[in-house]
Amino acid sequence: MADPNITGGRELDAFLQQFSAKFEKNVMRGGLRAGANEFKEEVKANIPVDSGALRRSVRVTTNAKGGRVTASVKIGNKKAWYAQMVEFGTRA
């Protein structure tokens, strides 16, 4: 279990407060992108083919809106428009 007595919290907070909101947003975006890239590799590993447009269409996107930064792993594009059919199947 982690130690509940954290030292240096005020100093860390003061240090972080000196950065601009734009810098903070860019740091968050980079961290989220790095985490999403881990998921991207797992998504690629679960695609049932070894190469092709579907595998190349896996990408990571980030968005910063209203003070909220998000990252997403997206699959599919104009060439691999069938990505959802492969993942979820189709009905006859």
PDB file of N, CA and C in Angstrom:
ATOM      1  N   MET A   1       0.837  -1.174   0.000  1.00  0.00           N
ATOM      2  CA  MET A   1       0.000   0.000   0.000  1.00  0.00           C
ATOM      3  C   MET A   1       0.887   1.244   0.000  1.00  0.00           C
ATOM      4  N   ALA A   2       0.436   2.267  -0.695  1.00  0.00           N
ATOM      5  CA  ALA A   2       1.208   3.504  -0.792  1.00  0.00           C
ATOM      6  C   ALA A   2       1.208   4.242   0.538  1.00  0.00           C
ATOM      7  N   ASP A   3       2.269   4.997   0.750  1.00  0.00           N
ATOM      8  CA  ASP A   3       2.403   5.794   1.963  1.00  0.00           C
ATOM      9  C   ASP A   3       1.414   6.965   1.911  1.00  0.00           C
ATOM     10  N   PRO A   4       0.486   7.080   2.878  1.00  0.00           N
ATOM     11  CA  PRO A   4      -0.503   8.161   2.825  1.00  0.00           C
ATOM     12  C   PRO A   4       0.080   9.532   3.150  1.00  0.00           C
ATOM     13  N   ASN A   5       1.285   9.587   3.686  1.00  0.00           N
ATOM     14  CA  ASN A   5       1.916  10.857   4.038  1.00  0.00           C
ATOM     15  C   ASN A   5       2.802  11.318   2.893  1.00  0.00           C
ATOM     16  N   ILE A   6       2.259  12.190   2.081  1.00  0.00           N
ATOM     17  CA  ILE A   6       2.994  12.696   0.920  1.00  0.00           C
ATOM     18  C   ILE A   6       3.719  13.972   1.336  1.00  0.00           C
ATOM     19  N   THR A   7       4.995  14.033   1.009  1.00  0.00           N
ATOM     20  CA  THR A   7       5.765  15.234   1.330  1.00  0.00           C
ATOM     21  C   THR A   7       6.067  16.000   0.051  1.00  0.00           C
ATOM     22  N   GLY A   8       6.148  17.315   0.163  1.00  0.00           N
ATOM     23  CA  GLY A   8       6.493  18.138  -0.988  1.00  0.00           C
ATOM     24  C   GLY A   8       5.319  18.514  -1.859  1.00  0.00           C
ATOM     25  N   GLY A   9       4.108  18.269  -1.405  1.00  0.00           N
ATOM     26  CA  GLY A   9       2.926  18.569  -2.205  1.00  0.00           C
ATOM     27  C   GLY A   9       2.773  20.052  -2.489  1.00  0.00           C
ATOM     28  N   ARG A  10       2.998  20.883  -1.508  1.00  0.00           N
ATOM     29  CA  ARG A  10       2.869  22.336  -1.708  1.00  0.00           C
ATOM     30  C   ARG A  10       3.923  22.848  -2.678  1.00  0.00           C
ATOM     31  N   GLU A  11       5.140  22.338  -2.551  1.00  0.00           N
ATOM     32  CA  GLU A  11       6.214  22.758  -3.448  1.00  0.00           C
ATOM     33  C   GLU A  11       5.912  22.322  -4.889  1.00  0.00           C
ATOM     34  N   LEU A  12       5.398  21.106  -5.036  1.00  0.00           N
ATOM     35  CA  LEU A  12       5.053  20.617  -6.363  1.00  0.00           C
ATOM     36  C   LEU A  12       3.931  21.455  -6.959  1.00  0.00           C
ATOM     37  N   ASP A  13       2.923  21.764  -6.167  1.00  0.00           N
ATOM     38  CA  ASP A  13       1.819  22.586  -6.647  1.00  0.00           C
ATOM     39  C   ASP A  13       2.312  23.972  -7.063  1.00  0.00           C
ATOM     40  N   ALA A  14       3.170  24.578  -6.282  1.00  0.00           N
ATOM     41  CA  ALA A  14       3.716  25.893  -6.626  1.00  0.00           C
ATOM     42  C   ALA A  14       4.527  25.825  -7.921  1.00  0.00           C
ATOM     43  N   PHE A  15       5.274  24.751  -8.087  1.00  0.00           N
ATOM     44  CA  PHE A  15       6.063  24.569  -9.304  1.00  0.00           C
ATOM     45  C   PHE A  15       5.160  24.448 -10.525  1.00  0.00           C
ATOM     46  N   LEU A  16       4.091  23.664 -10.405  1.00  0.00           N
ATOM     47  CA  LEU A  16       3.183  23.446 -11.531  1.00  0.00           C
ATOM     48  C   LEU A  16       2.369  24.692 -11.869  1.00  0.00           C
ATOM     49  N   GLN A  17       2.092  25.538 -10.874  1.00  0.00           N
ATOM     50  CA  GLN A  17       1.306  26.737 -11.109  1.00  0.00           C
ATOM     51  C   GLN A  17       2.040  27.774 -11.953  1.00  0.00           C
ATOM     52  N   GLN A  18       3.347  27.679 -12.059  1.00  0.00           N
ATOM     53  CA  GLN A  18       4.099  28.658 -12.836  1.00  0.00           C
ATOM     54  C   GLN A  18       3.996  28.422 -14.338  1.00  0.00           C
ATOM     55  N   PHE A  19       3.493  27.279 -14.761  1.00  0.00           N
ATOM     56  CA  PHE A  19       3.368  26.984 -16.181  1.00  0.00           C
ATOM     57  C   PHE A  19       2.050  27.528 -16.717  1.00  0.00           C
ATOM     58  N   SER A  20       2.041  27.858 -17.984  1.00  0.00           N
ATOM     59  CA  SER A  20       0.834  28.377 -18.611  1.00  0.00           C
ATOM     60  C   SER A  20      -0.144  27.241 -18.888  1.00  0.00           C
ATOM     61  N   ALA A  21      -1.389  27.610 -19.123  1.00  0.00           N
ATOM     62  CA  ALA A  21      -2.424  26.618 -19.417  1.00  0.00           C
ATOM     63  C   ALA A  21      -2.123  25.902 -20.730  1.00  0.00           C
ATOM     64  N   LYS A  22      -1.550  26.621 -21.693  1.00  0.00           N
ATOM     65  CA  LYS A  22      -1.207  26.006 -22.979  1.00  0.00           C
ATOM     66  C   LYS A  22      -0.149  24.925 -22.796  1.00  0.00           C
ATOM     67  N   PHE A  23       0.863  25.212 -21.989  1.00  0.00           N
ATOM     68  CA  PHE A  23       1.902  24.226 -21.718  1.00  0.00           C
ATOM     69  C   PHE A  23       1.304  23.009 -21.010  1.00  0.00           C
ATOM     70  N   GLU A  24       0.440  23.255 -20.034  1.00  0.00           N
ATOM     71  CA  GLU A  24      -0.203  22.162 -19.301  1.00  0.00           C
ATOM     72  C   GLU A  24      -1.026  21.289 -20.244  1.00  0.00           C
ATOM     73  N   LYS A  25      -1.746  21.937 -21.171  1.00  0.00           N
ATOM     74  CA  LYS A  25      -2.563  21.191 -22.127  1.00  0.00           C
ATOM     75  C   LYS A  25      -1.686  20.339 -23.033  1.00  0.00           C
ATOM     76  N   ASN A  26      -0.550  20.884 -23.468  1.00  0.00           N
ATOM     77  CA  ASN A  26       0.355  20.129 -24.334  1.00  0.00           C
ATOM     78  C   ASN A  26       0.987  18.954 -23.610  1.00  0.00           C
ATOM     79  N   VAL A  27       1.304  19.117 -22.331  1.00  0.00           N
ATOM     80  CA  VAL A  27       1.859  18.011 -21.550  1.00  0.00           C
ATOM     81  C   VAL A  27       0.818  16.910 -21.399  1.00  0.00           C
ATOM     82  N   MET A  28      -0.412  17.305 -21.079  1.00  0.00           N
ATOM     83  CA  MET A  28      -1.487  16.316 -20.939  1.00  0.00           C
ATOM     84  C   MET A  28      -1.741  15.597 -22.257  1.00  0.00           C
ATOM     85  N   ARG A  29      -1.734  16.350 -23.349  1.00  0.00           N
ATOM     86  CA  ARG A  29      -1.975  15.747 -24.661  1.00  0.00           C
ATOM     87  C   ARG A  29      -0.891  14.727 -24.989  1.00  0.00           C
ATOM     88  N   GLY A  30       0.361  15.069 -24.704  1.00  0.00           N
ATOM     89  CA  GLY A  30       1.456  14.138 -24.969  1.00  0.00           C
ATOM     90  C   GLY A  30       1.362  12.880 -24.124  1.00  0.00           C
ATOM     91  N   GLY A  31       0.999  13.038 -22.864  1.00  0.00           N
ATOM     92  CA  GLY A  31       0.852  11.880 -21.991  1.00  0.00           C
ATOM     93  C   GLY A  31      -0.300  10.985 -22.415  1.00  0.00           C
ATOM     94  N   LEU A  32      -1.422  11.592 -22.765  1.00  0.00           N
ATOM     95  CA  LEU A  32      -2.562  10.797 -23.224  1.00  0.00           C
ATOM     96  C   LEU A  32      -2.257  10.098 -24.543  1.00  0.00           C
ATOM     97  N   ARG A  33      -1.552  10.789 -25.438  1.00  0.00           N
ATOM     98  CA  ARG A  33      -1.187  10.170 -26.718  1.00  0.00           C
ATOM     99  C   ARG A  33      -0.271   8.962 -26.497  1.00  0.00           C
ATOM    100  N   ALA A  34       0.680   9.088 -25.577  1.00  0.00           N
ATOM    101  CA  ALA A  34       1.577   7.968 -25.287  1.00  0.00           C
ATOM    102  C   ALA A  34       0.797   6.772 -24.736  1.00  0.00           C
ATOM    103  N   GLY A  35      -0.148   7.035 -23.850  1.00  0.00           N
ATOM    104  CA  GLY A  35      -0.976   5.955 -23.320  1.00  0.00           C
ATOM    105  C   GLY A  35      -1.857   5.332 -24.381  1.00  0.00           C
ATOM    106  N   ALA A  36      -2.440   6.163 -25.245  1.00  0.00           N
ATOM    107  CA  ALA A  36      -3.308   5.654 -26.311  1.00  0.00           C
ATOM    108  C   ALA A  36      -2.520   4.839 -27.325  1.00  0.00           C
ATOM    109  N   ASN A  37      -1.244   5.181 -27.528  1.00  0.00           N
ATOM    110  CA  ASN A  37      -0.418   4.400 -28.461  1.00  0.00           C
ATOM    111  C   ASN A  37      -0.214   2.972 -27.968  1.00  0.00           C
ATOM    112  N   GLU A  38      -0.224   2.773 -26.647  1.00  0.00           N
ATOM    113  CA  GLU A  38      -0.146   1.410 -26.110  1.00  0.00           C
ATOM    114  C   GLU A  38      -1.389   0.625 -26.507  1.00  0.00           C
ATOM    115  N   PHE A  39      -2.553   1.263 -26.417  1.00  0.00           N
ATOM    116  CA  PHE A  39      -3.793   0.616 -26.838  1.00  0.00           C
ATOM    117  C   PHE A  39      -3.804   0.387 -28.344  1.00  0.00           C
ATOM    118  N   LYS A  40      -3.238   1.312 -29.094  1.00  0.00           N
ATOM    119  CA  LYS A  40      -3.189   1.186 -30.549  1.00  0.00           C
ATOM    120  C   LYS A  40      -2.464  -0.092 -30.956  1.00  0.00           C
ATOM    121  N   GLU A  41      -1.344  -0.375 -30.305  1.00  0.00           N
ATOM    122  CA  GLU A  41      -0.601  -1.591 -30.630  1.00  0.00           C
ATOM    123  C   GLU A  41      -1.423  -2.842 -30.304  1.00  0.00           C
ATOM    124  N   GLU A  42      -2.173  -2.803 -29.214  1.00  0.00           N
ATOM    125  CA  GLU A  42      -3.016  -3.947 -28.858  1.00  0.00           C
ATOM    126  C   GLU A  42      -4.157  -4.109 -29.858  1.00  0.00           C
ATOM    127  N   VAL A  43      -4.728  -3.006 -30.303  1.00  0.00           N
ATOM    128  CA  VAL A  43      -5.791  -3.058 -31.308  1.00  0.00           C
ATOM    129  C   VAL A  43      -5.254  -3.664 -32.593  1.00  0.00           C
ATOM    130  N   LYS A  44      -4.075  -3.230 -33.026  1.00  0.00           N
ATOM    131  CA  LYS A  44      -3.476  -3.789 -34.238  1.00  0.00           C
ATOM    132  C   LYS A  44      -3.224  -5.289 -34.095  1.00  0.00           C
ATOM    133  N   ALA A  45      -2.820  -5.710 -32.903  1.00  0.00           N
ATOM    134  CA  ALA A  45      -2.551  -7.136 -32.680  1.00  0.00           C
ATOM    135  C   ALA A  45      -3.821  -7.968 -32.760  1.00  0.00           C
ATOM    136  N   ASN A  46      -4.971  -7.370 -32.469  1.00  0.00           N
ATOM    137  CA  ASN A  46      -6.240  -8.103 -32.489  1.00  0.00           C
ATOM    138  C   ASN A  46      -6.943  -8.080 -33.840  1.00  0.00           C
ATOM    139  N   ILE A  47      -6.390  -7.387 -34.830  1.00  0.00           N
ATOM    140  CA  ILE A  47      -6.982  -7.380 -36.165  1.00  0.00           C
ATOM    141  C   ILE A  47      -6.676  -8.725 -36.809  1.00  0.00           C
ATOM    142  N   PRO A  48      -7.695  -9.384 -37.384  1.00  0.00           N
ATOM    143  CA  PRO A  48      -7.513 -10.763 -37.857  1.00  0.00           C
ATOM    144  C   PRO A  48      -6.687 -10.931 -39.127  1.00  0.00           C
ATOM    145  N   VAL A  49      -6.132  -9.863 -39.681  1.00  0.00           N
ATOM    146  CA  VAL A  49      -5.268  -9.984 -40.857  1.00  0.00           C
ATOM    147  C   VAL A  49      -3.887  -9.433 -40.509  1.00  0.00           C
ATOM    148  N   ASP A  50      -2.864  -9.869 -41.240  1.00  0.00           N
ATOM    149  CA  ASP A  50      -1.502  -9.468 -40.930  1.00  0.00           C
ATOM    150  C   ASP A  50      -1.088  -8.149 -41.574  1.00  0.00           C
ATOM    151  N   SER A  51      -1.762  -7.741 -42.631  1.00  0.00           N
ATOM    152  CA  SER A  51      -1.414  -6.482 -43.294  1.00  0.00           C
ATOM    153  C   SER A  51      -2.656  -5.956 -44.001  1.00  0.00           C
ATOM    154  N   GLY A  52      -2.522  -4.803 -44.608  1.00  0.00           N
ATOM    155  CA  GLY A  52      -3.627  -4.279 -45.389  1.00  0.00           C
ATOM    156  C   GLY A  52      -4.138  -2.947 -44.879  1.00  0.00           C
ATOM    157  N   ALA A  53      -5.187  -2.470 -45.562  1.00  0.00           N
ATOM    158  CA  ALA A  53      -5.749  -1.147 -45.281  1.00  0.00           C
ATOM    159  C   ALA A  53      -6.328  -1.058 -43.877  1.00  0.00           C
ATOM    160  N   LEU A  54      -6.931  -2.130 -43.394  1.00  0.00           N
ATOM    161  CA  LEU A  54      -7.537  -2.086 -42.065  1.00  0.00           C
ATOM    162  C   LEU A  54      -6.479  -1.882 -40.984  1.00  0.00           C
ATOM    163  N   ARG A  55      -5.395  -2.595 -41.072  1.00  0.00           N
ATOM    164  CA  ARG A  55      -4.312  -2.459 -40.090  1.00  0.00           C
ATOM    165  C   ARG A  55      -3.670  -1.068 -40.170  1.00  0.00           C
ATOM    166  N   ARG A  56      -3.521  -0.545 -41.383  1.00  0.00           N
ATOM    167  CA  ARG A  56      -2.926   0.786 -41.545  1.00  0.00           C
ATOM    168  C   ARG A  56      -3.865   1.910 -41.103  1.00  0.00           C
ATOM    169  N   SER A  57      -5.161   1.629 -40.984  1.00  0.00           N
ATOM    170  CA  SER A  57      -6.122   2.677 -40.644  1.00  0.00           C
ATOM    171  C   SER A  57      -6.210   2.965 -39.146  1.00  0.00           C
ATOM    172  N   VAL A  58      -5.542   2.179 -38.304  1.00  0.00           N
ATOM    173  CA  VAL A  58      -5.577   2.404 -36.857  1.00  0.00           C
ATOM    174  C   VAL A  58      -4.747   3.646 -36.543  1.00  0.00           C
ATOM    175  N   ARG A  59      -5.363   4.594 -35.816  1.00  0.00           N
ATOM    176  CA  ARG A  59      -4.669   5.846 -35.517  1.00  0.00           C
ATOM    177  C   ARG A  59      -5.109   6.387 -34.162  1.00  0.00           C
ATOM    178  N   VAL A  60      -4.289   7.263 -33.618  1.00  0.00           N
ATOM    179  CA  VAL A  60      -4.573   7.924 -32.340  1.00  0.00           C
ATOM    180  C   VAL A  60      -4.870   9.385 -32.621  1.00  0.00           C
ATOM    181  N   THR A  61      -5.939   9.893 -32.043  1.00  0.00           N
ATOM    182  CA  THR A  61      -6.268  11.312 -32.165  1.00  0.00           C
ATOM    183  C   THR A  61      -6.374  11.915 -30.772  1.00  0.00           C
ATOM    184  N   THR A  62      -6.083  13.204 -30.671  1.00  0.00           N
ATOM    185  CA  THR A  62      -6.251  13.924 -29.414  1.00  0.00           C
ATOM    186  C   THR A  62      -7.098  15.161 -29.671  1.00  0.00           C
ATOM    187  N   ASN A  63      -7.774  15.615 -28.630  1.00  0.00           N
ATOM    188  CA  ASN A  63      -8.613  16.791 -28.731  1.00  0.00           C
ATOM    189  C   ASN A  63      -8.545  17.553 -27.415  1.00  0.00           C
ATOM    190  N   ALA A  64      -8.459  18.864 -27.499  1.00  0.00           N
ATOM    191  CA  ALA A  64      -8.459  19.705 -26.311  1.00  0.00           C
ATOM    192  C   ALA A  64      -9.554  20.744 -26.495  1.00  0.00           C
ATOM    193  N   LYS A  65     -10.579  20.652 -25.667  1.00  0.00           N
ATOM    194  CA  LYS A  65     -11.708  21.557 -25.808  1.00  0.00           C
ATOM    195  C   LYS A  65     -12.238  21.910 -24.432  1.00  0.00           C
ATOM    196  N   GLY A  66     -12.345  23.177 -24.163  1.00  0.00           N
ATOM    197  CA  GLY A  66     -12.915  23.623 -22.897  1.00  0.00           C
ATOM    198  C   GLY A  66     -12.136  23.179 -21.671  1.00  0.00           C
ATOM    199  N   GLY A  67     -10.824  23.119 -21.770  1.00  0.00           N
ATOM    200  CA  GLY A  67     -10.015  22.703 -20.635  1.00  0.00           C
ATOM    201  C   GLY A  67      -9.971  21.204 -20.422  1.00  0.00           C
ATOM    202  N   ARG A  68     -10.553  20.442 -21.327  1.00  0.00           N
ATOM    203  CA  ARG A  68     -10.573  18.982 -21.219  1.00  0.00           C
ATOM    204  C   ARG A  68      -9.788  18.397 -22.393  1.00  0.00           C
ATOM    205  N   VAL A  69      -8.833  17.534 -22.091  1.00  0.00           N
ATOM    206  CA  VAL A  69      -8.003  16.910 -23.122  1.00  0.00           C
ATOM    207  C   VAL A  69      -8.367  15.433 -23.189  1.00  0.00           C
ATOM    208  N   THR A  70      -8.630  14.940 -24.412  1.00  0.00           N
ATOM    209  CA  THR A  70      -8.977  13.537 -24.593  1.00  0.00           C
ATOM    210  C   THR A  70      -8.114  12.924 -25.682  1.00  0.00           C
ATOM    211  N   ALA A  71      -7.972  11.609 -25.636  1.00  0.00           N
ATOM    212  CA  ALA A  71      -7.278  10.857 -26.672  1.00  0.00           C
ATOM    213  C   ALA A  71      -8.150   9.672 -27.056  1.00  0.00           C
ATOM    214  N   SER A  72      -8.161   9.339 -28.345  1.00  0.00           N
ATOM    215  CA  SER A  72      -8.980   8.239 -28.844  1.00  0.00           C
ATOM    216  C   SER A  72      -8.174   7.379 -29.803  1.00  0.00           C
ATOM    217  N   VAL A  73      -8.489   6.101 -29.825  1.00  0.00           N
ATOM    218  CA  VAL A  73      -7.941   5.193 -30.826  1.00  0.00           C
ATOM    219  C   VAL A  73      -9.058   4.949 -31.823  1.00  0.00           C
ATOM    220  N   LYS A  74      -8.810   5.282 -33.078  1.00  0.00           N
ATOM    221  CA  LYS A  74      -9.837   5.160 -34.112  1.00  0.00           C
ATOM    222  C   LYS A  74      -9.386   4.166 -35.163  1.00  0.00           C
ATOM    223  N   ILE A  75     -10.361   3.485 -35.731  1.00  0.00           N
ATOM    224  CA  ILE A  75     -10.091   2.490 -36.766  1.00  0.00           C
ATOM    225  C   ILE A  75     -10.994   2.796 -37.949  1.00  0.00           C
ATOM    226  N   GLY A  76     -10.431   2.704 -39.148  1.00  0.00           N
ATOM    227  CA  GLY A  76     -11.211   2.908 -40.355  1.00  0.00           C
ATOM    228  C   GLY A  76     -10.902   4.234 -41.011  1.00  0.00           C
ATOM    229  N   ASN A  77     -11.059   4.256 -42.316  1.00  0.00           N
ATOM    230  CA  ASN A  77     -10.910   5.458 -43.127  1.00  0.00           C
ATOM    231  C   ASN A  77     -11.630   5.205 -44.439  1.00  0.00           C
ATOM    232  N   LYS A  78     -11.366   5.984 -45.472  1.00  0.00           N
ATOM    233  CA  LYS A  78     -12.070   5.800 -46.751  1.00  0.00           C
ATOM    234  C   LYS A  78     -11.761   4.455 -47.394  1.00  0.00           C
ATOM    235  N   LYS A  79     -10.538   3.962 -47.211  1.00  0.00           N
ATOM    236  CA  LYS A  79     -10.177   2.665 -47.797  1.00  0.00           C
ATOM    237  C   LYS A  79     -10.630   1.502 -46.916  1.00  0.00           C
ATOM    238  N   ALA A  80     -10.633   1.685 -45.620  1.00  0.00           N
ATOM    239  CA  ALA A  80     -11.024   0.618 -44.684  1.00  0.00           C
ATOM    240  C   ALA A  80     -12.344   0.989 -44.017  1.00  0.00           C
ATOM    241  N   TRP A  81     -13.363   1.257 -44.820  1.00  0.00           N
ATOM    242  CA  TRP A  81     -14.667   1.668 -44.323  1.00  0.00           C
ATOM    243  C   TRP A  81     -15.411   0.530 -43.621  1.00  0.00           C
ATOM    244  N   TYR A  82     -14.934  -0.670 -43.764  1.00  0.00           N
ATOM    245  CA  TYR A  82     -15.597  -1.867 -43.244  1.00  0.00           C
ATOM    246  C   TYR A  82     -15.103  -2.265 -41.850  1.00  0.00           C
ATOM    247  N   ALA A  83     -14.371  -1.396 -41.167  1.00  0.00           N
ATOM    248  CA  ALA A  83     -13.750  -1.735 -39.884  1.00  0.00           C
ATOM    249  C   ALA A  83     -14.779  -2.206 -38.853  1.00  0.00           C
ATOM    250  N   GLN A  84     -15.914  -1.520 -38.750  1.00  0.00           N
ATOM    251  CA  GLN A  84     -16.923  -1.925 -37.765  1.00  0.00           C
ATOM    252  C   GLN A  84     -17.540  -3.268 -38.107  1.00  0.00           C
ATOM    253  N   MET A  85     -17.630  -3.592 -39.385  1.00  0.00           N
ATOM    254  CA  MET A  85     -18.184  -4.885 -39.785  1.00  0.00           C
ATOM    255  C   MET A  85     -17.258  -6.017 -39.348  1.00  0.00           C
ATOM    256  N   VAL A  86     -15.955  -5.795 -39.444  1.00  0.00           N
ATOM    257  CA  VAL A  86     -14.996  -6.810 -39.012  1.00  0.00           C
ATOM    258  C   VAL A  86     -15.063  -6.979 -37.504  1.00  0.00           C
ATOM    259  N   GLU A  87     -15.169  -5.873 -36.780  1.00  0.00           N
ATOM    260  CA  GLU A  87     -15.160  -5.955 -35.324  1.00  0.00           C
ATOM    261  C   GLU A  87     -16.466  -6.531 -34.754  1.00  0.00           C
ATOM    262  N   PHE A  88     -17.586  -6.057 -35.243  1.00  0.00           N
ATOM    263  CA  PHE A  88     -18.866  -6.448 -34.650  1.00  0.00           C
ATOM    264  C   PHE A  88     -19.617  -7.506 -35.442  1.00  0.00           C
ATOM    265  N   GLY A  89     -19.200  -7.797 -36.669  1.00  0.00           N
ATOM    266  CA  GLY A  89     -19.875  -8.784 -37.482  1.00  0.00           C
ATOM    267  C   GLY A  89     -21.043  -8.162 -38.234  1.00  0.00           C
ATOM    268  N   THR A  90     -21.661  -8.990 -39.073  1.00  0.00           N
ATOM    269  CA  THR A  90     -22.818  -8.548 -39.834  1.00  0.00           C
ATOM    270  C   THR A  90     -23.916  -9.592 -39.713  1.00  0.00           C
ATOM    271  N   ARG A  91     -25.098  -9.171 -40.037  1.00  0.00           N
ATOM    272  CA  ARG A  91     -26.236 -10.088 -39.996  1.00  0.00           C
ATOM    273  C   ARG A  91     -26.661 -10.374 -41.425  1.00  0.00           C
ATOM    274  N   ALA A  92     -26.976 -11.618 -41.716  1.00  0.00           N
ATOM    275  CA  ALA A  92     -27.383 -12.021 -43.068  1.00  0.00           C
ATOM    276  C   ALA A  92     -28.735 -11.442 -43.409  1.00  0.00           C
TER     277      ALA A  92
END
